[in-house]
Amino acid sequence: MCLGVPGQIVQIGDSALQLATVDVCGVQRQVNISLICDSDPQSLLGKWVLVHVGFAMSIIDEEEAKQTQEALLAMSQLEHEVGDF
């Protein structure tokens, strides 16, 4: 199973390399936006995306981003409980 982590695009980097800086829960990292960029990369600023292995895989809305963040948090808490078993 593959998980995409929601992040918000906060800066567009090198457009030739199709890179952008994405904020994922306060941690910023560069991701490749080639899979979601159809036109002007600047139009992606502020958009929420699902990130997997360094690539923005799809654009999502803010509500879906928040729901995914909550689900990932719940899964991490469950992992701790299962580890205690």
N, C-alpha and C. Protein backbone atom coordinates (compact mmCIF):
# COMPACT_ATOMS: atom_id res chain seq x y z
N MET A 1 0.84 -1.17 0.00
CA MET A 1 0.00 0.00 0.00
C MET A 1 0.89 1.23 0.00
N CYS A 2 0.51 2.20 -0.80
CA CYS A 2 1.25 3.47 -0.88
C CYS A 2 0.42 4.56 -0.24
N LEU A 3 1.08 5.41 0.51
CA LEU A 3 0.40 6.52 1.15
C LEU A 3 0.91 7.84 0.59
N GLY A 4 -0.01 8.71 0.27
CA GLY A 4 0.35 10.07 -0.10
C GLY A 4 0.17 10.95 1.11
N VAL A 5 1.12 11.84 1.33
CA VAL A 5 1.08 12.75 2.47
C VAL A 5 0.66 14.13 1.96
N PRO A 6 -0.34 14.75 2.58
CA PRO A 6 -0.78 16.06 2.11
C PRO A 6 0.21 17.15 2.48
N GLY A 7 0.42 18.05 1.54
CA GLY A 7 1.28 19.20 1.77
C GLY A 7 0.79 20.37 0.93
N GLN A 8 1.19 21.56 1.35
CA GLN A 8 0.78 22.77 0.64
C GLN A 8 1.98 23.38 -0.07
N ILE A 9 1.80 23.71 -1.34
CA ILE A 9 2.88 24.32 -2.12
C ILE A 9 3.07 25.75 -1.64
N VAL A 10 4.29 26.05 -1.16
CA VAL A 10 4.57 27.38 -0.61
C VAL A 10 5.54 28.18 -1.47
N GLN A 11 6.23 27.51 -2.39
CA GLN A 11 7.17 28.22 -3.26
C GLN A 11 7.42 27.39 -4.51
N ILE A 12 7.53 28.09 -5.63
CA ILE A 12 7.88 27.43 -6.89
C ILE A 12 9.37 27.63 -7.09
N GLY A 13 10.09 26.54 -7.30
CA GLY A 13 11.53 26.62 -7.49
C GLY A 13 11.89 26.68 -8.96
N ASP A 14 12.85 25.88 -9.34
CA ASP A 14 13.35 25.85 -10.72
C ASP A 14 12.28 25.27 -11.64
N SER A 15 11.71 26.13 -12.50
CA SER A 15 10.63 25.64 -13.37
C SER A 15 11.15 24.69 -14.43
N ALA A 16 12.42 24.78 -14.81
CA ALA A 16 12.99 23.84 -15.78
C ALA A 16 13.03 22.43 -15.19
N LEU A 17 13.32 22.34 -13.89
CA LEU A 17 13.35 21.04 -13.21
C LEU A 17 11.99 20.66 -12.64
N GLN A 18 11.04 21.59 -12.72
CA GLN A 18 9.68 21.41 -12.20
C GLN A 18 9.69 21.03 -10.72
N LEU A 19 10.35 21.87 -9.93
CA LEU A 19 10.42 21.66 -8.49
C LEU A 19 9.64 22.74 -7.75
N ALA A 20 9.07 22.36 -6.61
CA ALA A 20 8.38 23.30 -5.75
C ALA A 20 8.68 22.92 -4.31
N THR A 21 8.57 23.90 -3.42
CA THR A 21 8.71 23.65 -1.99
C THR A 21 7.32 23.41 -1.42
N VAL A 22 7.19 22.31 -0.70
CA VAL A 22 5.90 21.92 -0.12
C VAL A 22 6.05 21.86 1.40
N ASP A 23 5.07 22.40 2.10
CA ASP A 23 5.03 22.34 3.56
C ASP A 23 4.16 21.17 3.97
N VAL A 24 4.79 20.21 4.67
CA VAL A 24 4.08 19.04 5.18
C VAL A 24 4.17 19.08 6.70
N CYS A 25 3.10 19.50 7.35
CA CYS A 25 3.04 19.58 8.82
C CYS A 25 4.20 20.38 9.40
N GLY A 26 4.53 21.50 8.76
CA GLY A 26 5.59 22.36 9.26
C GLY A 26 6.99 22.06 8.74
N VAL A 27 7.15 20.95 8.05
CA VAL A 27 8.44 20.59 7.46
C VAL A 27 8.38 20.90 5.98
N GLN A 28 9.37 21.64 5.50
CA GLN A 28 9.38 22.00 4.09
C GLN A 28 10.42 21.18 3.34
N ARG A 29 10.01 20.72 2.17
CA ARG A 29 10.94 19.98 1.31
C ARG A 29 10.56 20.20 -0.13
N GLN A 30 11.54 19.94 -1.00
CA GLN A 30 11.31 20.10 -2.43
C GLN A 30 10.70 18.84 -3.00
N VAL A 31 9.72 19.04 -3.87
CA VAL A 31 9.08 17.92 -4.57
C VAL A 31 8.98 18.26 -6.05
N ASN A 32 8.89 17.23 -6.84
CA ASN A 32 8.73 17.37 -8.28
C ASN A 32 7.24 17.57 -8.58
N ILE A 33 6.91 18.58 -9.37
CA ILE A 33 5.51 18.88 -9.68
C ILE A 33 5.14 18.54 -11.12
N SER A 34 5.99 17.80 -11.81
CA SER A 34 5.75 17.52 -13.23
C SER A 34 4.45 16.75 -13.48
N LEU A 35 4.00 15.96 -12.51
CA LEU A 35 2.78 15.17 -12.71
C LEU A 35 1.50 15.99 -12.58
N ILE A 36 1.60 17.17 -11.98
CA ILE A 36 0.40 17.99 -11.75
C ILE A 36 0.45 19.33 -12.47
N CYS A 37 1.56 19.65 -13.11
CA CYS A 37 1.74 20.97 -13.72
C CYS A 37 1.42 20.91 -15.21
N ASP A 38 0.25 21.45 -15.58
CA ASP A 38 -0.16 21.48 -16.98
C ASP A 38 0.21 22.78 -17.68
N SER A 39 0.38 23.85 -16.90
CA SER A 39 0.65 25.15 -17.52
C SER A 39 1.64 25.92 -16.67
N ASP A 40 1.25 27.07 -16.17
CA ASP A 40 2.12 27.94 -15.39
C ASP A 40 2.32 27.39 -13.98
N PRO A 41 3.55 27.04 -13.60
CA PRO A 41 3.79 26.51 -12.25
C PRO A 41 3.36 27.47 -11.14
N GLN A 42 3.43 28.78 -11.39
CA GLN A 42 3.04 29.76 -10.36
C GLN A 42 1.58 29.61 -9.96
N SER A 43 0.76 29.06 -10.84
CA SER A 43 -0.67 28.87 -10.52
C SER A 43 -0.87 27.82 -9.43
N LEU A 44 0.17 27.06 -9.12
CA LEU A 44 0.07 26.02 -8.09
C LEU A 44 0.34 26.54 -6.68
N LEU A 45 0.84 27.76 -6.56
CA LEU A 45 1.13 28.32 -5.23
C LEU A 45 -0.12 28.28 -4.35
N GLY A 46 0.05 27.75 -3.13
CA GLY A 46 -1.06 27.67 -2.19
C GLY A 46 -1.92 26.43 -2.34
N LYS A 47 -1.74 25.68 -3.40
CA LYS A 47 -2.53 24.46 -3.61
C LYS A 47 -2.07 23.35 -2.68
N TRP A 48 -3.00 22.47 -2.33
CA TRP A 48 -2.71 21.28 -1.54
C TRP A 48 -2.49 20.12 -2.49
N VAL A 49 -1.49 19.31 -2.20
CA VAL A 49 -1.16 18.16 -3.05
C VAL A 49 -0.89 16.94 -2.18
N LEU A 50 -1.03 15.77 -2.79
CA LEU A 50 -0.60 14.53 -2.14
C LEU A 50 0.80 14.22 -2.64
N VAL A 51 1.74 14.03 -1.70
CA VAL A 51 3.14 13.80 -2.03
C VAL A 51 3.49 12.34 -1.73
N HIS A 52 4.15 11.71 -2.69
CA HIS A 52 4.62 10.33 -2.51
C HIS A 52 5.97 10.22 -3.19
N VAL A 53 6.95 9.71 -2.48
CA VAL A 53 8.34 9.52 -2.94
C VAL A 53 8.89 10.73 -3.71
N GLY A 54 8.65 11.92 -3.18
CA GLY A 54 9.22 13.12 -3.76
C GLY A 54 8.47 13.73 -4.92
N PHE A 55 7.30 13.19 -5.23
CA PHE A 55 6.48 13.70 -6.34
C PHE A 55 5.12 14.15 -5.82
N ALA A 56 4.65 15.29 -6.31
CA ALA A 56 3.27 15.70 -6.07
C ALA A 56 2.42 14.88 -7.03
N MET A 57 1.62 13.97 -6.47
CA MET A 57 0.87 13.02 -7.29
C MET A 57 -0.48 13.57 -7.77
N SER A 58 -1.12 14.39 -6.95
CA SER A 58 -2.42 14.94 -7.33
C SER A 58 -2.70 16.19 -6.50
N ILE A 59 -3.57 17.03 -7.04
CA ILE A 59 -4.03 18.22 -6.33
C ILE A 59 -5.30 17.84 -5.57
N ILE A 60 -5.36 18.25 -4.31
CA ILE A 60 -6.53 17.97 -3.48
C ILE A 60 -7.02 19.28 -2.88
N ASP A 61 -8.25 19.27 -2.35
CA ASP A 61 -8.73 20.48 -1.70
C ASP A 61 -8.31 20.47 -0.24
N GLU A 62 -8.46 21.62 0.42
CA GLU A 62 -8.00 21.76 1.80
C GLU A 62 -8.72 20.80 2.74
N GLU A 63 -10.00 20.57 2.51
CA GLU A 63 -10.76 19.65 3.37
C GLU A 63 -10.20 18.23 3.28
N GLU A 64 -9.91 17.78 2.08
CA GLU A 64 -9.34 16.44 1.92
C GLU A 64 -7.95 16.37 2.56
N ALA A 65 -7.19 17.45 2.46
CA ALA A 65 -5.86 17.49 3.09
C ALA A 65 -5.99 17.33 4.60
N LYS A 66 -6.91 18.07 5.21
CA LYS A 66 -7.10 17.99 6.66
C LYS A 66 -7.57 16.60 7.08
N GLN A 67 -8.51 16.01 6.33
CA GLN A 67 -8.99 14.67 6.65
C GLN A 67 -7.86 13.64 6.55
N THR A 68 -7.01 13.78 5.54
CA THR A 68 -5.90 12.85 5.38
C THR A 68 -4.89 13.02 6.51
N GLN A 69 -4.61 14.26 6.90
CA GLN A 69 -3.70 14.50 8.02
C GLN A 69 -4.24 13.87 9.30
N GLU A 70 -5.54 14.01 9.54
CA GLU A 70 -6.15 13.42 10.73
C GLU A 70 -6.08 11.90 10.69
N ALA A 71 -6.31 11.30 9.53
CA ALA A 71 -6.23 9.85 9.39
C ALA A 71 -4.81 9.35 9.63
N LEU A 72 -3.82 10.07 9.12
CA LEU A 72 -2.42 9.67 9.34
C LEU A 72 -2.05 9.78 10.81
N LEU A 73 -2.54 10.82 11.48
CA LEU A 73 -2.29 10.97 12.91
C LEU A 73 -2.92 9.82 13.68
N ALA A 74 -4.15 9.47 13.35
CA ALA A 74 -4.83 8.35 14.02
C ALA A 74 -4.07 7.04 13.78
N MET A 75 -3.55 6.85 12.57
CA MET A 75 -2.79 5.63 12.28
C MET A 75 -1.50 5.59 13.09
N SER A 76 -0.86 6.74 13.27
CA SER A 76 0.39 6.75 14.04
C SER A 76 0.11 6.45 15.51
N GLN A 77 -1.03 6.89 16.03
CA GLN A 77 -1.39 6.58 17.41
C GLN A 77 -1.74 5.11 17.55
N LEU A 78 -2.40 4.55 16.56
CA LEU A 78 -2.74 3.13 16.58
C LEU A 78 -1.48 2.28 16.54
N GLU A 79 -0.47 2.71 15.79
CA GLU A 79 0.79 1.96 15.70
C GLU A 79 1.41 1.82 17.08
N HIS A 80 1.35 2.88 17.89
CA HIS A 80 1.89 2.83 19.25
C HIS A 80 1.13 1.81 20.09
N GLU A 81 -0.20 1.80 19.97
CA GLU A 81 -1.01 0.85 20.73
C GLU A 81 -0.74 -0.59 20.31
N VAL A 82 -0.59 -0.83 19.03
CA VAL A 82 -0.31 -2.17 18.53
C VAL A 82 1.08 -2.60 18.98
N GLY A 83 2.02 -1.66 19.02
CA GLY A 83 3.38 -1.97 19.47
C GLY A 83 3.41 -2.40 20.92
N ASP A 84 2.49 -1.87 21.74
CA ASP A 84 2.41 -2.25 23.16
C ASP A 84 1.81 -3.63 23.35
N PHE A 85 1.11 -4.14 22.34
CA PHE A 85 0.46 -5.43 22.44
C PHE A 85 1.51 -6.48 22.35
